[in-house]
Amino acid sequence: MMSKKKWVIKIGSALLTNDGKGLDTISIASWVDQIVTLTKQDIEVILVSSGAIAEGIKRLGWNERPDDIHKLQAAAAVGQMGLIQTYESLFAKHDMHTAQILLTHDNLTNADRYENIS
């Protein structure tokens, strides 16, 4: 028996945002449609998505991307909510659910933790 294909797709901020000023929902909807098409071809898709910082900057009302790591972390935390809500609502139109896994560098470098996420 042939195993199911698995694709990891990374979509960067430049493809998901309005020049770093919040999420581009039309663009994200297009990516979601393409991922749905792949799943209908029996391809398992793991989506790695950027965009949380840009969405957080917009939600926080900042005019530009900060350099301070603490402000970047705050923007990412605030923006992550909007990012996952956007994906959830767009995939729901296709009767699909989403889940998120937040990974750290340690998850990828520690053998036991890496095995757990594989």
N, C-alpha and C. Protein backbone atom coordinates (compact mmCIF):
# COMPACT_ATOMS: atom_id res chain seq x y z
N MET A 1 0.84 -1.18 0.00
CA MET A 1 0.00 0.00 0.00
C MET A 1 0.89 1.25 0.00
N MET A 2 0.56 2.18 -0.86
CA MET A 2 1.33 3.40 -0.97
C MET A 2 0.94 4.37 0.14
N SER A 3 1.93 5.01 0.75
CA SER A 3 1.60 5.95 1.82
C SER A 3 1.11 7.27 1.23
N LYS A 4 0.31 7.95 2.01
CA LYS A 4 -0.26 9.23 1.60
C LYS A 4 0.85 10.27 1.47
N LYS A 5 0.76 11.09 0.44
CA LYS A 5 1.74 12.15 0.25
C LYS A 5 1.53 13.22 1.32
N LYS A 6 2.64 13.80 1.77
CA LYS A 6 2.58 14.86 2.76
C LYS A 6 3.42 16.03 2.25
N TRP A 7 2.80 17.19 2.18
CA TRP A 7 3.51 18.39 1.74
C TRP A 7 3.55 19.39 2.89
N VAL A 8 4.70 20.02 3.06
CA VAL A 8 4.83 21.14 3.98
C VAL A 8 4.92 22.40 3.12
N ILE A 9 4.00 23.31 3.34
CA ILE A 9 3.93 24.54 2.56
C ILE A 9 4.19 25.72 3.48
N LYS A 10 5.20 26.52 3.15
CA LYS A 10 5.53 27.72 3.93
C LYS A 10 5.10 28.93 3.13
N ILE A 11 4.24 29.74 3.73
CA ILE A 11 3.78 30.97 3.08
C ILE A 11 4.28 32.15 3.91
N GLY A 12 5.11 32.95 3.31
CA GLY A 12 5.72 34.08 4.00
C GLY A 12 4.84 35.32 4.04
N SER A 13 5.25 36.26 4.86
CA SER A 13 4.48 37.49 5.06
C SER A 13 4.23 38.26 3.77
N ALA A 14 5.20 38.27 2.87
CA ALA A 14 5.04 39.02 1.62
C ALA A 14 3.86 38.51 0.80
N LEU A 15 3.51 37.24 0.97
CA LEU A 15 2.41 36.65 0.21
C LEU A 15 1.07 36.70 0.95
N LEU A 16 1.09 37.09 2.22
CA LEU A 16 -0.12 37.06 3.05
C LEU A 16 -0.59 38.42 3.53
N THR A 17 0.24 39.43 3.35
CA THR A 17 -0.08 40.73 3.95
C THR A 17 -0.16 41.82 2.89
N ASN A 18 -0.73 42.94 3.31
CA ASN A 18 -0.79 44.14 2.48
C ASN A 18 0.47 44.96 2.76
N ASP A 19 1.57 44.57 2.13
CA ASP A 19 2.86 45.24 2.35
C ASP A 19 3.21 45.34 3.83
N GLY A 20 2.94 44.27 4.58
CA GLY A 20 3.26 44.25 6.00
C GLY A 20 2.30 45.03 6.87
N LYS A 21 1.19 45.48 6.31
CA LYS A 21 0.23 46.30 7.06
C LYS A 21 -1.08 45.54 7.27
N GLY A 22 -1.02 44.39 7.86
CA GLY A 22 -2.21 43.59 8.11
C GLY A 22 -2.38 42.49 7.07
N LEU A 23 -3.33 41.64 7.31
CA LEU A 23 -3.54 40.47 6.47
C LEU A 23 -4.28 40.82 5.18
N ASP A 24 -3.89 40.17 4.10
CA ASP A 24 -4.56 40.29 2.81
C ASP A 24 -5.49 39.08 2.69
N THR A 25 -6.73 39.26 3.10
CA THR A 25 -7.68 38.15 3.17
C THR A 25 -7.94 37.53 1.81
N ILE A 26 -7.94 38.33 0.76
CA ILE A 26 -8.17 37.79 -0.58
C ILE A 26 -7.03 36.85 -0.98
N SER A 27 -5.82 37.26 -0.70
CA SER A 27 -4.66 36.41 -0.99
C SER A 27 -4.69 35.13 -0.16
N ILE A 28 -5.01 35.27 1.12
CA ILE A 28 -5.07 34.09 1.99
C ILE A 28 -6.16 33.14 1.50
N ALA A 29 -7.30 33.68 1.08
CA ALA A 29 -8.38 32.84 0.57
C ALA A 29 -7.92 32.05 -0.65
N SER A 30 -7.12 32.65 -1.49
CA SER A 30 -6.59 31.95 -2.66
C SER A 30 -5.67 30.80 -2.25
N TRP A 31 -4.82 31.05 -1.26
CA TRP A 31 -3.95 29.98 -0.76
C TRP A 31 -4.78 28.85 -0.15
N VAL A 32 -5.81 29.21 0.61
CA VAL A 32 -6.68 28.19 1.21
C VAL A 32 -7.34 27.35 0.13
N ASP A 33 -7.84 27.99 -0.92
CA ASP A 33 -8.46 27.24 -2.02
C ASP A 33 -7.48 26.24 -2.64
N GLN A 34 -6.23 26.66 -2.81
CA GLN A 34 -5.23 25.77 -3.39
C GLN A 34 -4.91 24.60 -2.46
N ILE A 35 -4.86 24.88 -1.16
CA ILE A 35 -4.60 23.81 -0.19
C ILE A 35 -5.76 22.83 -0.16
N VAL A 36 -6.99 23.33 -0.22
CA VAL A 36 -8.16 22.46 -0.27
C VAL A 36 -8.09 21.55 -1.49
N THR A 37 -7.70 22.10 -2.63
CA THR A 37 -7.56 21.31 -3.85
C THR A 37 -6.55 20.18 -3.65
N LEU A 38 -5.45 20.48 -2.98
CA LEU A 38 -4.44 19.44 -2.71
C LEU A 38 -5.00 18.35 -1.81
N THR A 39 -5.74 18.73 -0.78
CA THR A 39 -6.29 17.72 0.13
C THR A 39 -7.29 16.82 -0.58
N LYS A 40 -8.00 17.38 -1.55
CA LYS A 40 -8.94 16.56 -2.34
C LYS A 40 -8.20 15.58 -3.25
N GLN A 41 -6.92 15.83 -3.48
CA GLN A 41 -6.08 14.91 -4.25
C GLN A 41 -5.35 13.94 -3.33
N ASP A 42 -5.84 13.85 -2.09
CA ASP A 42 -5.30 12.95 -1.08
C ASP A 42 -3.86 13.30 -0.67
N ILE A 43 -3.57 14.59 -0.65
CA ILE A 43 -2.27 15.08 -0.19
C ILE A 43 -2.49 15.73 1.18
N GLU A 44 -1.75 15.25 2.16
CA GLU A 44 -1.82 15.85 3.49
C GLU A 44 -0.96 17.11 3.48
N VAL A 45 -1.53 18.22 3.92
CA VAL A 45 -0.82 19.50 3.88
C VAL A 45 -0.57 20.00 5.30
N ILE A 46 0.67 20.36 5.55
CA ILE A 46 1.06 21.04 6.78
C ILE A 46 1.42 22.45 6.36
N LEU A 47 0.69 23.41 6.87
CA LEU A 47 0.90 24.81 6.49
C LEU A 47 1.74 25.50 7.55
N VAL A 48 2.82 26.11 7.12
CA VAL A 48 3.65 26.95 7.98
C VAL A 48 3.43 28.38 7.50
N SER A 49 2.90 29.21 8.37
CA SER A 49 2.44 30.53 7.95
C SER A 49 3.10 31.65 8.74
N SER A 50 3.52 32.66 8.02
CA SER A 50 3.94 33.92 8.63
C SER A 50 2.73 34.84 8.65
N GLY A 51 2.94 36.08 9.04
CA GLY A 51 1.88 37.07 8.99
C GLY A 51 1.40 37.59 10.33
N ALA A 52 1.75 36.91 11.42
CA ALA A 52 1.25 37.32 12.73
C ALA A 52 1.76 38.70 13.14
N ILE A 53 3.03 38.97 12.90
CA ILE A 53 3.57 40.27 13.31
C ILE A 53 2.89 41.40 12.54
N ALA A 54 2.75 41.24 11.22
CA ALA A 54 2.11 42.28 10.41
C ALA A 54 0.68 42.53 10.88
N GLU A 55 -0.06 41.47 11.18
CA GLU A 55 -1.43 41.64 11.66
C GLU A 55 -1.45 42.30 13.03
N GLY A 56 -0.50 41.93 13.88
CA GLY A 56 -0.42 42.54 15.21
C GLY A 56 -0.11 44.03 15.14
N ILE A 57 0.80 44.41 14.25
CA ILE A 57 1.13 45.82 14.07
C ILE A 57 -0.12 46.60 13.68
N LYS A 58 -0.90 46.04 12.79
CA LYS A 58 -2.15 46.69 12.36
C LYS A 58 -3.13 46.79 13.54
N ARG A 59 -3.34 45.69 14.25
CA ARG A 59 -4.30 45.68 15.36
C ARG A 59 -3.89 46.62 16.48
N LEU A 60 -2.58 46.77 16.68
CA LEU A 60 -2.08 47.65 17.74
C LEU A 60 -2.04 49.12 17.30
N GLY A 61 -2.30 49.37 16.02
CA GLY A 61 -2.34 50.73 15.53
C GLY A 61 -0.98 51.37 15.31
N TRP A 62 0.05 50.55 15.19
CA TRP A 62 1.39 51.08 14.96
C TRP A 62 1.57 51.42 13.49
N ASN A 63 2.33 52.45 13.21
CA ASN A 63 2.55 52.88 11.83
C ASN A 63 3.70 52.17 11.14
N GLU A 64 4.59 51.58 11.92
CA GLU A 64 5.74 50.89 11.33
C GLU A 64 6.16 49.72 12.20
N ARG A 65 6.92 48.84 11.61
CA ARG A 65 7.41 47.65 12.31
C ARG A 65 8.48 48.08 13.32
N PRO A 66 8.31 47.72 14.58
CA PRO A 66 9.31 48.09 15.59
C PRO A 66 10.57 47.23 15.48
N ASP A 67 11.66 47.74 16.02
CA ASP A 67 12.91 46.98 16.09
C ASP A 67 13.04 46.24 17.41
N ASP A 68 12.38 46.74 18.44
CA ASP A 68 12.47 46.17 19.78
C ASP A 68 11.85 44.77 19.82
N ILE A 69 12.62 43.80 20.33
CA ILE A 69 12.17 42.40 20.35
C ILE A 69 10.89 42.24 21.17
N HIS A 70 10.75 42.99 22.26
CA HIS A 70 9.55 42.85 23.09
C HIS A 70 8.30 43.35 22.36
N LYS A 71 8.46 44.41 21.60
CA LYS A 71 7.32 44.91 20.81
C LYS A 71 7.00 43.95 19.67
N LEU A 72 8.02 43.35 19.07
CA LEU A 72 7.77 42.36 18.02
C LEU A 72 7.04 41.15 18.59
N GLN A 73 7.43 40.72 19.79
CA GLN A 73 6.75 39.59 20.43
C GLN A 73 5.30 39.94 20.75
N ALA A 74 5.07 41.17 21.20
CA ALA A 74 3.70 41.61 21.49
C ALA A 74 2.87 41.62 20.21
N ALA A 75 3.45 42.14 19.14
CA ALA A 75 2.73 42.18 17.86
C ALA A 75 2.42 40.77 17.38
N ALA A 76 3.37 39.86 17.52
CA ALA A 76 3.15 38.47 17.09
C ALA A 76 2.03 37.83 17.90
N ALA A 77 2.02 38.07 19.21
CA ALA A 77 1.00 37.47 20.07
C ALA A 77 -0.39 38.00 19.72
N VAL A 78 -0.49 39.31 19.51
CA VAL A 78 -1.78 39.91 19.16
C VAL A 78 -2.20 39.46 17.76
N GLY A 79 -1.28 39.48 16.83
CA GLY A 79 -1.59 39.13 15.45
C GLY A 79 -1.90 37.68 15.22
N GLN A 80 -1.33 36.80 16.04
CA GLN A 80 -1.57 35.36 15.87
C GLN A 80 -3.05 35.04 15.98
N MET A 81 -3.74 35.76 16.84
CA MET A 81 -5.18 35.53 17.00
C MET A 81 -5.92 35.82 15.69
N GLY A 82 -5.61 36.94 15.07
CA GLY A 82 -6.26 37.29 13.81
C GLY A 82 -5.89 36.35 12.69
N LEU A 83 -4.64 35.93 12.67
CA LEU A 83 -4.17 35.01 11.63
C LEU A 83 -4.92 33.68 11.71
N ILE A 84 -4.99 33.09 12.89
CA ILE A 84 -5.63 31.79 13.02
C ILE A 84 -7.14 31.92 12.81
N GLN A 85 -7.74 33.03 13.24
CA GLN A 85 -9.17 33.25 12.99
C GLN A 85 -9.46 33.34 11.49
N THR A 86 -8.57 33.99 10.77
CA THR A 86 -8.73 34.11 9.32
C THR A 86 -8.67 32.74 8.66
N TYR A 87 -7.65 31.96 9.01
CA TYR A 87 -7.56 30.62 8.44
C TYR A 87 -8.77 29.77 8.81
N GLU A 88 -9.18 29.82 10.06
CA GLU A 88 -10.31 29.00 10.51
C GLU A 88 -11.58 29.34 9.73
N SER A 89 -11.86 30.62 9.56
CA SER A 89 -13.09 31.00 8.85
C SER A 89 -13.01 30.64 7.37
N LEU A 90 -11.85 30.77 6.75
CA LEU A 90 -11.73 30.44 5.33
C LEU A 90 -11.77 28.93 5.09
N PHE A 91 -11.13 28.15 5.94
CA PHE A 91 -11.20 26.70 5.79
C PHE A 91 -12.59 26.17 6.13
N ALA A 92 -13.29 26.83 7.05
CA ALA A 92 -14.65 26.41 7.41
C ALA A 92 -15.60 26.46 6.22
N LYS A 93 -15.34 27.36 5.28
CA LYS A 93 -16.17 27.44 4.07
C LYS A 93 -16.06 26.17 3.24
N HIS A 94 -15.02 25.39 3.50
CA HIS A 94 -14.80 24.12 2.80
C HIS A 94 -15.05 22.93 3.74
N ASP A 95 -15.75 23.20 4.85
CA ASP A 95 -16.02 22.18 5.88
C ASP A 95 -14.74 21.55 6.41
N MET A 96 -13.72 22.36 6.58
CA MET A 96 -12.46 21.89 7.14
C MET A 96 -12.15 22.68 8.40
N HIS A 97 -11.48 22.03 9.34
CA HIS A 97 -11.06 22.67 10.58
C HIS A 97 -9.56 22.89 10.56
N THR A 98 -9.12 23.82 11.40
CA THR A 98 -7.69 24.09 11.51
C THR A 98 -7.23 23.81 12.93
N ALA A 99 -5.94 23.66 13.06
CA ALA A 99 -5.30 23.56 14.37
C ALA A 99 -3.95 24.22 14.24
N GLN A 100 -3.43 24.69 15.35
CA GLN A 100 -2.11 25.29 15.28
C GLN A 100 -1.18 24.63 16.27
N ILE A 101 0.06 24.56 15.86
CA ILE A 101 1.12 24.07 16.73
C ILE A 101 2.20 25.14 16.71
N LEU A 102 2.49 25.69 17.86
CA LEU A 102 3.54 26.71 17.95
C LEU A 102 4.84 26.01 18.35
N LEU A 103 5.84 26.17 17.52
CA LEU A 103 7.12 25.50 17.74
C LEU A 103 8.20 26.50 18.13
N THR A 104 9.12 26.03 18.94
CA THR A 104 10.29 26.82 19.29
C THR A 104 11.53 26.16 18.70
N HIS A 105 12.62 26.85 18.76
CA HIS A 105 13.89 26.30 18.28
C HIS A 105 14.20 24.99 19.02
N ASP A 106 13.89 24.96 20.32
CA ASP A 106 14.15 23.77 21.13
C ASP A 106 13.36 22.56 20.62
N ASN A 107 12.15 22.79 20.12
CA ASN A 107 11.35 21.68 19.58
C ASN A 107 12.04 21.01 18.40
N LEU A 108 12.84 21.77 17.68
CA LEU A 108 13.48 21.25 16.48
C LEU A 108 14.89 20.73 16.72
N THR A 109 15.51 21.13 17.83
CA THR A 109 16.88 20.70 18.11
C THR A 109 16.98 19.62 19.17
N ASN A 110 15.97 19.47 20.01
CA ASN A 110 15.96 18.43 21.03
C ASN A 110 15.38 17.16 20.41
N ALA A 111 16.16 16.08 20.40
CA ALA A 111 15.75 14.85 19.70
C ALA A 111 14.41 14.31 20.19
N ASP A 112 14.20 14.28 21.50
CA ASP A 112 12.94 13.76 22.04
C ASP A 112 11.75 14.62 21.63
N ARG A 113 11.92 15.92 21.72
CA ARG A 113 10.82 16.82 21.34
C ARG A 113 10.57 16.77 19.84
N TYR A 114 11.64 16.67 19.06
CA TYR A 114 11.49 16.60 17.61
C TYR A 114 10.73 15.34 17.22
N GLU A 115 11.05 14.23 17.86
CA GLU A 115 10.36 12.96 17.58
C GLU A 115 8.88 13.08 17.90
N ASN A 116 8.55 13.81 18.94
CA ASN A 116 7.16 13.98 19.35
C ASN A 116 6.34 14.75 18.32
N ILE A 117 6.97 15.69 17.60
CA ILE A 117 6.22 16.47 16.62
C ILE A 117 6.25 15.87 15.23
N SER A 118 7.06 14.86 15.02
CA SER A 118 7.21 14.29 13.67
C SER A 118 5.97 13.58 13.20
